[in-house]
Amino acid sequence: MGKKIQAAAELKIKLDRSDVKVINESKLLKLLGVNEVEKVLVHNLDEDEKYELFVDAVINLALDNAVNACSVT
């Protein structure tokens, strides 16, 4: 299993009971949208799966050029 979530016990229980998929380690592959970011394509490194996810915002904390080179398509 992945990394443990650090949160209050009540929040952990709610998370376990929800249908939320926790992705601990991923790589941003692509920003998707028309004139603004609507979705992202991410690679889940733990399971070697790709997911297209709807987002409200993207915050890029990476320092490598690979992520910074992404463009909205």
PDB file of N, CA and C in Angstrom:
ATOM      1  N   MET A   1       0.848  -1.189   0.000  1.00  0.00           N
ATOM      2  CA  MET A   1       0.000   0.000   0.000  1.00  0.00           C
ATOM      3  C   MET A   1       0.879   1.232   0.000  1.00  0.00           C
ATOM      4  N   GLY A   2       0.320   2.375  -0.342  1.00  0.00           N
ATOM      5  CA  GLY A   2       1.061   3.625  -0.443  1.00  0.00           C
ATOM      6  C   GLY A   2       1.367   4.226   0.916  1.00  0.00           C
ATOM      7  N   LYS A   3       1.768   5.463   0.880  1.00  0.00           N
ATOM      8  CA  LYS A   3       2.097   6.182   2.105  1.00  0.00           C
ATOM      9  C   LYS A   3       0.845   6.385   2.938  1.00  0.00           C
ATOM     10  N   LYS A   4       1.045   6.463   4.251  1.00  0.00           N
ATOM     11  CA  LYS A   4      -0.084   6.695   5.142  1.00  0.00           C
ATOM     12  C   LYS A   4      -0.457   8.170   5.120  1.00  0.00           C
ATOM     13  N   ILE A   5      -1.744   8.431   5.151  1.00  0.00           N
ATOM     14  CA  ILE A   5      -2.261   9.794   5.205  1.00  0.00           C
ATOM     15  C   ILE A   5      -2.136  10.291   6.639  1.00  0.00           C
ATOM     16  N   GLN A   6      -1.554  11.470   6.806  1.00  0.00           N
ATOM     17  CA  GLN A   6      -1.438  12.062   8.135  1.00  0.00           C
ATOM     18  C   GLN A   6      -2.594  13.036   8.324  1.00  0.00           C
ATOM     19  N   ALA A   7      -3.546  12.626   9.145  1.00  0.00           N
ATOM     20  CA  ALA A   7      -4.731  13.444   9.402  1.00  0.00           C
ATOM     21  C   ALA A   7      -5.361  12.960  10.702  1.00  0.00           C
ATOM     22  N   ALA A   8      -6.327  13.719  11.170  1.00  0.00           N
ATOM     23  CA  ALA A   8      -7.065  13.321  12.363  1.00  0.00           C
ATOM     24  C   ALA A   8      -7.768  11.992  12.094  1.00  0.00           C
ATOM     25  N   ALA A   9      -7.949  11.203  13.135  1.00  0.00           N
ATOM     26  CA  ALA A   9      -8.546   9.871  13.002  1.00  0.00           C
ATOM     27  C   ALA A   9      -9.904   9.921  12.304  1.00  0.00           C
ATOM     28  N   GLU A  10     -10.723  10.909  12.645  1.00  0.00           N
ATOM     29  CA  GLU A  10     -12.056  11.024  12.042  1.00  0.00           C
ATOM     30  C   GLU A  10     -11.958  11.251  10.531  1.00  0.00           C
ATOM     31  N   LEU A  11     -11.010  12.072  10.099  1.00  0.00           N
ATOM     32  CA  LEU A  11     -10.838  12.313   8.666  1.00  0.00           C
ATOM     33  C   LEU A  11     -10.325  11.072   7.946  1.00  0.00           C
ATOM     34  N   LYS A  12      -9.438  10.315   8.582  1.00  0.00           N
ATOM     35  CA  LYS A  12      -8.941   9.070   7.983  1.00  0.00           C
ATOM     36  C   LYS A  12     -10.080   8.079   7.764  1.00  0.00           C
ATOM     37  N   ILE A  13     -10.963   7.984   8.739  1.00  0.00           N
ATOM     38  CA  ILE A  13     -12.107   7.073   8.628  1.00  0.00           C
ATOM     39  C   ILE A  13     -13.011   7.498   7.472  1.00  0.00           C
ATOM     40  N   LYS A  14     -13.281   8.806   7.369  1.00  0.00           N
ATOM     41  CA  LYS A  14     -14.120   9.305   6.272  1.00  0.00           C
ATOM     42  C   LYS A  14     -13.462   9.041   4.923  1.00  0.00           C
ATOM     43  N   LEU A  15     -12.157   9.211   4.844  1.00  0.00           N
ATOM     44  CA  LEU A  15     -11.439   8.952   3.599  1.00  0.00           C
ATOM     45  C   LEU A  15     -11.517   7.477   3.229  1.00  0.00           C
ATOM     46  N   ASP A  16     -11.320   6.598   4.205  1.00  0.00           N
ATOM     47  CA  ASP A  16     -11.395   5.154   3.952  1.00  0.00           C
ATOM     48  C   ASP A  16     -12.778   4.738   3.453  1.00  0.00           C
ATOM     49  N   ARG A  17     -13.813   5.393   3.935  1.00  0.00           N
ATOM     50  CA  ARG A  17     -15.187   5.047   3.561  1.00  0.00           C
ATOM     51  C   ARG A  17     -15.624   5.704   2.250  1.00  0.00           C
ATOM     52  N   SER A  18     -14.851   6.646   1.761  1.00  0.00           N
ATOM     53  CA  SER A  18     -15.224   7.362   0.536  1.00  0.00           C
ATOM     54  C   SER A  18     -14.702   6.626  -0.693  1.00  0.00           C
ATOM     55  N   ASP A  19     -15.077   7.133  -1.860  1.00  0.00           N
ATOM     56  CA  ASP A  19     -14.572   6.553  -3.106  1.00  0.00           C
ATOM     57  C   ASP A  19     -13.421   7.390  -3.674  1.00  0.00           C
ATOM     58  N   VAL A  20     -12.752   8.144  -2.804  1.00  0.00           N
ATOM     59  CA  VAL A  20     -11.623   8.980  -3.216  1.00  0.00           C
ATOM     60  C   VAL A  20     -10.411   8.104  -3.500  1.00  0.00           C
ATOM     61  N   LYS A  21      -9.771   8.341  -4.636  1.00  0.00           N
ATOM     62  CA  LYS A  21      -8.535   7.634  -4.997  1.00  0.00           C
ATOM     63  C   LYS A  21      -7.371   8.525  -4.577  1.00  0.00           C
ATOM     64  N   VAL A  22      -6.520   8.023  -3.706  1.00  0.00           N
ATOM     65  CA  VAL A  22      -5.354   8.776  -3.247  1.00  0.00           C
ATOM     66  C   VAL A  22      -4.168   8.410  -4.131  1.00  0.00           C
ATOM     67  N   ILE A  23      -3.579   9.411  -4.749  1.00  0.00           N
ATOM     68  CA  ILE A  23      -2.388   9.216  -5.579  1.00  0.00           C
ATOM     69  C   ILE A  23      -1.224   9.871  -4.852  1.00  0.00           C
ATOM     70  N   ASN A  24      -0.331   9.057  -4.304  1.00  0.00           N
ATOM     71  CA  ASN A  24       0.772   9.576  -3.505  1.00  0.00           C
ATOM     72  C   ASN A  24       1.906  10.137  -4.349  1.00  0.00           C
ATOM     73  N   GLU A  25       2.280   9.437  -5.392  1.00  0.00           N
ATOM     74  CA  GLU A  25       3.387   9.886  -6.229  1.00  0.00           C
ATOM     75  C   GLU A  25       2.945   9.881  -7.682  1.00  0.00           C
ATOM     76  N   SER A  26       3.048  11.048  -8.319  1.00  0.00           N
ATOM     77  CA  SER A  26       2.609  11.159  -9.704  1.00  0.00           C
ATOM     78  C   SER A  26       3.467  12.169 -10.443  1.00  0.00           C
ATOM     79  N   LYS A  27       3.325  12.143 -11.749  1.00  0.00           N
ATOM     80  CA  LYS A  27       4.031  13.091 -12.604  1.00  0.00           C
ATOM     81  C   LYS A  27       3.003  13.738 -13.522  1.00  0.00           C
ATOM     82  N   LEU A  28       3.038  15.064 -13.597  1.00  0.00           N
ATOM     83  CA  LEU A  28       2.158  15.794 -14.496  1.00  0.00           C
ATOM     84  C   LEU A  28       2.650  15.603 -15.916  1.00  0.00           C
ATOM     85  N   LEU A  29       1.792  15.051 -16.775  1.00  0.00           N
ATOM     86  CA  LEU A  29       2.168  14.806 -18.163  1.00  0.00           C
ATOM     87  C   LEU A  29       1.653  15.881 -19.107  1.00  0.00           C
ATOM     88  N   LYS A  30       0.422  16.365 -18.844  1.00  0.00           N
ATOM     89  CA  LYS A  30      -0.178  17.299 -19.797  1.00  0.00           C
ATOM     90  C   LYS A  30      -1.266  18.128 -19.121  1.00  0.00           C
ATOM     91  N   LEU A  31      -1.348  19.397 -19.518  1.00  0.00           N
ATOM     92  CA  LEU A  31      -2.452  20.263 -19.124  1.00  0.00           C
ATOM     93  C   LEU A  31      -3.454  20.266 -20.268  1.00  0.00           C
ATOM     94  N   LEU A  32      -4.735  20.111 -19.961  1.00  0.00           N
ATOM     95  CA  LEU A  32      -5.766  20.019 -20.995  1.00  0.00           C
ATOM     96  C   LEU A  32      -6.839  21.078 -20.780  1.00  0.00           C
ATOM     97  N   GLY A  33      -7.295  21.680 -21.865  1.00  0.00           N
ATOM     98  CA  GLY A  33      -8.362  22.664 -21.772  1.00  0.00           C
ATOM     99  C   GLY A  33      -8.333  23.610 -22.957  1.00  0.00           C
ATOM    100  N   VAL A  34      -9.369  24.422 -23.059  1.00  0.00           N
ATOM    101  CA  VAL A  34      -9.472  25.424 -24.116  1.00  0.00           C
ATOM    102  C   VAL A  34      -9.379  26.795 -23.457  1.00  0.00           C
ATOM    103  N   ASN A  35      -8.293  27.514 -23.684  1.00  0.00           N
ATOM    104  CA  ASN A  35      -8.026  28.844 -23.123  1.00  0.00           C
ATOM    105  C   ASN A  35      -7.798  28.854 -21.613  1.00  0.00           C
ATOM    106  N   GLU A  36      -8.004  27.751 -20.944  1.00  0.00           N
ATOM    107  CA  GLU A  36      -7.719  27.628 -19.518  1.00  0.00           C
ATOM    108  C   GLU A  36      -7.571  26.147 -19.180  1.00  0.00           C
ATOM    109  N   VAL A  37      -6.923  25.874 -18.077  1.00  0.00           N
ATOM    110  CA  VAL A  37      -6.735  24.484 -17.660  1.00  0.00           C
ATOM    111  C   VAL A  37      -8.062  23.945 -17.140  1.00  0.00           C
ATOM    112  N   GLU A  38      -8.520  22.849 -17.726  1.00  0.00           N
ATOM    113  CA  GLU A  38      -9.746  22.186 -17.290  1.00  0.00           C
ATOM    114  C   GLU A  38      -9.443  20.824 -16.673  1.00  0.00           C
ATOM    115  N   LYS A  39      -8.462  20.130 -17.259  1.00  0.00           N
ATOM    116  CA  LYS A  39      -8.083  18.796 -16.792  1.00  0.00           C
ATOM    117  C   LYS A  39      -6.568  18.658 -16.859  1.00  0.00           C
ATOM    118  N   VAL A  40      -6.065  17.629 -16.187  1.00  0.00           N
ATOM    119  CA  VAL A  40      -4.650  17.277 -16.278  1.00  0.00           C
ATOM    120  C   VAL A  40      -4.536  15.789 -16.563  1.00  0.00           C
ATOM    121  N   LEU A  41      -3.479  15.425 -17.249  1.00  0.00           N
ATOM    122  CA  LEU A  41      -3.136  14.019 -17.438  1.00  0.00           C
ATOM    123  C   LEU A  41      -1.956  13.752 -16.522  1.00  0.00           C
ATOM    124  N   VAL A  42      -2.135  12.834 -15.573  1.00  0.00           N
ATOM    125  CA  VAL A  42      -1.072  12.505 -14.630  1.00  0.00           C
ATOM    126  C   VAL A  42      -0.729  11.026 -14.724  1.00  0.00           C
ATOM    127  N   HIS A  43       0.518  10.719 -14.435  1.00  0.00           N
ATOM    128  CA  HIS A  43       0.994   9.338 -14.388  1.00  0.00           C
ATOM    129  C   HIS A  43       1.160   8.976 -12.924  1.00  0.00           C
ATOM    130  N   ASN A  44       0.368   8.017 -12.443  1.00  0.00           N
ATOM    131  CA  ASN A  44       0.479   7.516 -11.076  1.00  0.00           C
ATOM    132  C   ASN A  44       1.691   6.594 -11.034  1.00  0.00           C
ATOM    133  N   LEU A  45       2.753   7.040 -10.399  1.00  0.00           N
ATOM    134  CA  LEU A  45       3.999   6.278 -10.388  1.00  0.00           C
ATOM    135  C   LEU A  45       3.912   5.027  -9.520  1.00  0.00           C
ATOM    136  N   ASP A  46       3.024   5.028  -8.528  1.00  0.00           N
ATOM    137  CA  ASP A  46       2.874   3.854  -7.655  1.00  0.00           C
ATOM    138  C   ASP A  46       2.266   2.666  -8.395  1.00  0.00           C
ATOM    139  N   GLU A  47       1.319   2.928  -9.297  1.00  0.00           N
ATOM    140  CA  GLU A  47       0.597   1.852  -9.986  1.00  0.00           C
ATOM    141  C   GLU A  47       0.864   1.812 -11.482  1.00  0.00           C
ATOM    142  N   ASP A  48       1.718   2.703 -11.977  1.00  0.00           N
ATOM    143  CA  ASP A  48       2.027   2.809 -13.406  1.00  0.00           C
ATOM    144  C   ASP A  48       0.752   2.934 -14.238  1.00  0.00           C
ATOM    145  N   GLU A  49      -0.150   3.810 -13.797  1.00  0.00           N
ATOM    146  CA  GLU A  49      -1.412   4.088 -14.490  1.00  0.00           C
ATOM    147  C   GLU A  49      -1.468   5.566 -14.836  1.00  0.00           C
ATOM    148  N   LYS A  50      -2.216   5.905 -15.887  1.00  0.00           N
ATOM    149  CA  LYS A  50      -2.431   7.301 -16.262  1.00  0.00           C
ATOM    150  C   LYS A  50      -3.883   7.665 -15.986  1.00  0.00           C
ATOM    151  N   TYR A  51      -4.090   8.882 -15.478  1.00  0.00           N
ATOM    152  CA  TYR A  51      -5.429   9.364 -15.166  1.00  0.00           C
ATOM    153  C   TYR A  51      -5.621  10.753 -15.747  1.00  0.00           C
ATOM    154  N   GLU A  52      -6.798  11.003 -16.302  1.00  0.00           N
ATOM    155  CA  GLU A  52      -7.196  12.329 -16.756  1.00  0.00           C
ATOM    156  C   GLU A  52      -8.156  12.862 -15.696  1.00  0.00           C
ATOM    157  N   LEU A  53      -7.755  13.929 -15.018  1.00  0.00           N
ATOM    158  CA  LEU A  53      -8.504  14.432 -13.874  1.00  0.00           C
ATOM    159  C   LEU A  53      -8.973  15.864 -14.096  1.00  0.00           C
ATOM    160  N   PHE A  54     -10.209  16.166 -13.704  1.00  0.00           N
ATOM    161  CA  PHE A  54     -10.706  17.536 -13.732  1.00  0.00           C
ATOM    162  C   PHE A  54     -10.059  18.308 -12.583  1.00  0.00           C
ATOM    163  N   VAL A  55      -9.676  19.550 -12.829  1.00  0.00           N
ATOM    164  CA  VAL A  55      -9.038  20.378 -11.803  1.00  0.00           C
ATOM    165  C   VAL A  55      -9.600  21.792 -11.843  1.00  0.00           C
ATOM    166  N   ASP A  56      -9.514  22.469 -10.715  1.00  0.00           N
ATOM    167  CA  ASP A  56      -9.860  23.886 -10.637  1.00  0.00           C
ATOM    168  C   ASP A  56      -8.619  24.747 -10.789  1.00  0.00           C
ATOM    169  N   ALA A  57      -7.475  24.213 -10.361  1.00  0.00           N
ATOM    170  CA  ALA A  57      -6.223  24.963 -10.433  1.00  0.00           C
ATOM    171  C   ALA A  57      -5.060  23.984 -10.443  1.00  0.00           C
ATOM    172  N   VAL A  58      -3.918  24.458 -10.934  1.00  0.00           N
ATOM    173  CA  VAL A  58      -2.689  23.665 -10.926  1.00  0.00           C
ATOM    174  C   VAL A  58      -1.603  24.518 -10.290  1.00  0.00           C
ATOM    175  N   ILE A  59      -0.932  23.972  -9.292  1.00  0.00           N
ATOM    176  CA  ILE A  59       0.201  24.645  -8.664  1.00  0.00           C
ATOM    177  C   ILE A  59       1.422  23.801  -8.951  1.00  0.00           C
ATOM    178  N   ASN A  60       2.382  24.370  -9.644  1.00  0.00           N
ATOM    179  CA  ASN A  60       3.579  23.643 -10.055  1.00  0.00           C
ATOM    180  C   ASN A  60       4.711  23.940  -9.078  1.00  0.00           C
ATOM    181  N   LEU A  61       5.074  22.953  -8.268  1.00  0.00           N
ATOM    182  CA  LEU A  61       6.167  23.103  -7.319  1.00  0.00           C
ATOM    183  C   LEU A  61       7.446  22.453  -7.821  1.00  0.00           C
ATOM    184  N   ALA A  62       7.379  21.815  -8.984  1.00  0.00           N
ATOM    185  CA  ALA A  62       8.544  21.120  -9.539  1.00  0.00           C
ATOM    186  C   ALA A  62       9.558  22.123 -10.062  1.00  0.00           C
ATOM    187  N   LEU A  63      10.815  21.736  -9.993  1.00  0.00           N
ATOM    188  CA  LEU A  63      11.884  22.602 -10.468  1.00  0.00           C
ATOM    189  C   LEU A  63      12.470  22.131 -11.783  1.00  0.00           C
ATOM    190  N   ASP A  64      11.990  20.997 -12.297  1.00  0.00           N
ATOM    191  CA  ASP A  64      12.564  20.491 -13.546  1.00  0.00           C
ATOM    192  C   ASP A  64      11.837  21.083 -14.749  1.00  0.00           C
ATOM    193  N   ASN A  65      12.494  21.110 -15.890  1.00  0.00           N
ATOM    194  CA  ASN A  65      11.939  21.714 -17.096  1.00  0.00           C
ATOM    195  C   ASN A  65      10.858  20.861 -17.746  1.00  0.00           C
ATOM    196  N   ALA A  66      10.819  19.566 -17.467  1.00  0.00           N
ATOM    197  CA  ALA A  66       9.840  18.686 -18.105  1.00  0.00           C
ATOM    198  C   ALA A  66       8.418  19.121 -17.774  1.00  0.00           C
ATOM    199  N   VAL A  67       8.162  19.429 -16.519  1.00  0.00           N
ATOM    200  CA  VAL A  67       6.822  19.849 -16.121  1.00  0.00           C
ATOM    201  C   VAL A  67       6.552  21.262 -16.612  1.00  0.00           C
ATOM    202  N   ASN A  68       7.538  22.135 -16.547  1.00  0.00           N
ATOM    203  CA  ASN A  68       7.352  23.520 -16.965  1.00  0.00           C
ATOM    204  C   ASN A  68       7.093  23.635 -18.463  1.00  0.00           C
ATOM    205  N   ALA A  69       7.446  22.618 -19.225  1.00  0.00           N
ATOM    206  CA  ALA A  69       7.262  22.653 -20.674  1.00  0.00           C
ATOM    207  C   ALA A  69       5.845  22.281 -21.095  1.00  0.00           C
ATOM    208  N   CYS A  70       5.000  21.847 -20.146  1.00  0.00           N
ATOM    209  CA  CYS A  70       3.624  21.477 -20.474  1.00  0.00           C
ATOM    210  C   CYS A  70       2.862  22.697 -20.963  1.00  0.00           C
ATOM    211  N   SER A  71       1.979  22.481 -21.906  1.00  0.00           N
ATOM    212  CA  SER A  71       1.136  23.571 -22.392  1.00  0.00           C
ATOM    213  C   SER A  71      -0.306  23.105 -22.438  1.00  0.00           C
ATOM    214  N   VAL A  72      -1.213  24.042 -22.388  1.00  0.00           N
ATOM    215  CA  VAL A  72      -2.637  23.713 -22.457  1.00  0.00           C
ATOM    216  C   VAL A  72      -2.974  23.328 -23.881  1.00  0.00           C
ATOM    217  N   THR A  73      -3.589  22.133 -24.047  1.00  0.00           N
ATOM    218  CA  THR A  73      -3.984  21.666 -25.382  1.00  0.00           C
ATOM    219  C   THR A  73      -5.458  21.372 -25.415  1.00  0.00           C
TER     220      THR A  73
END
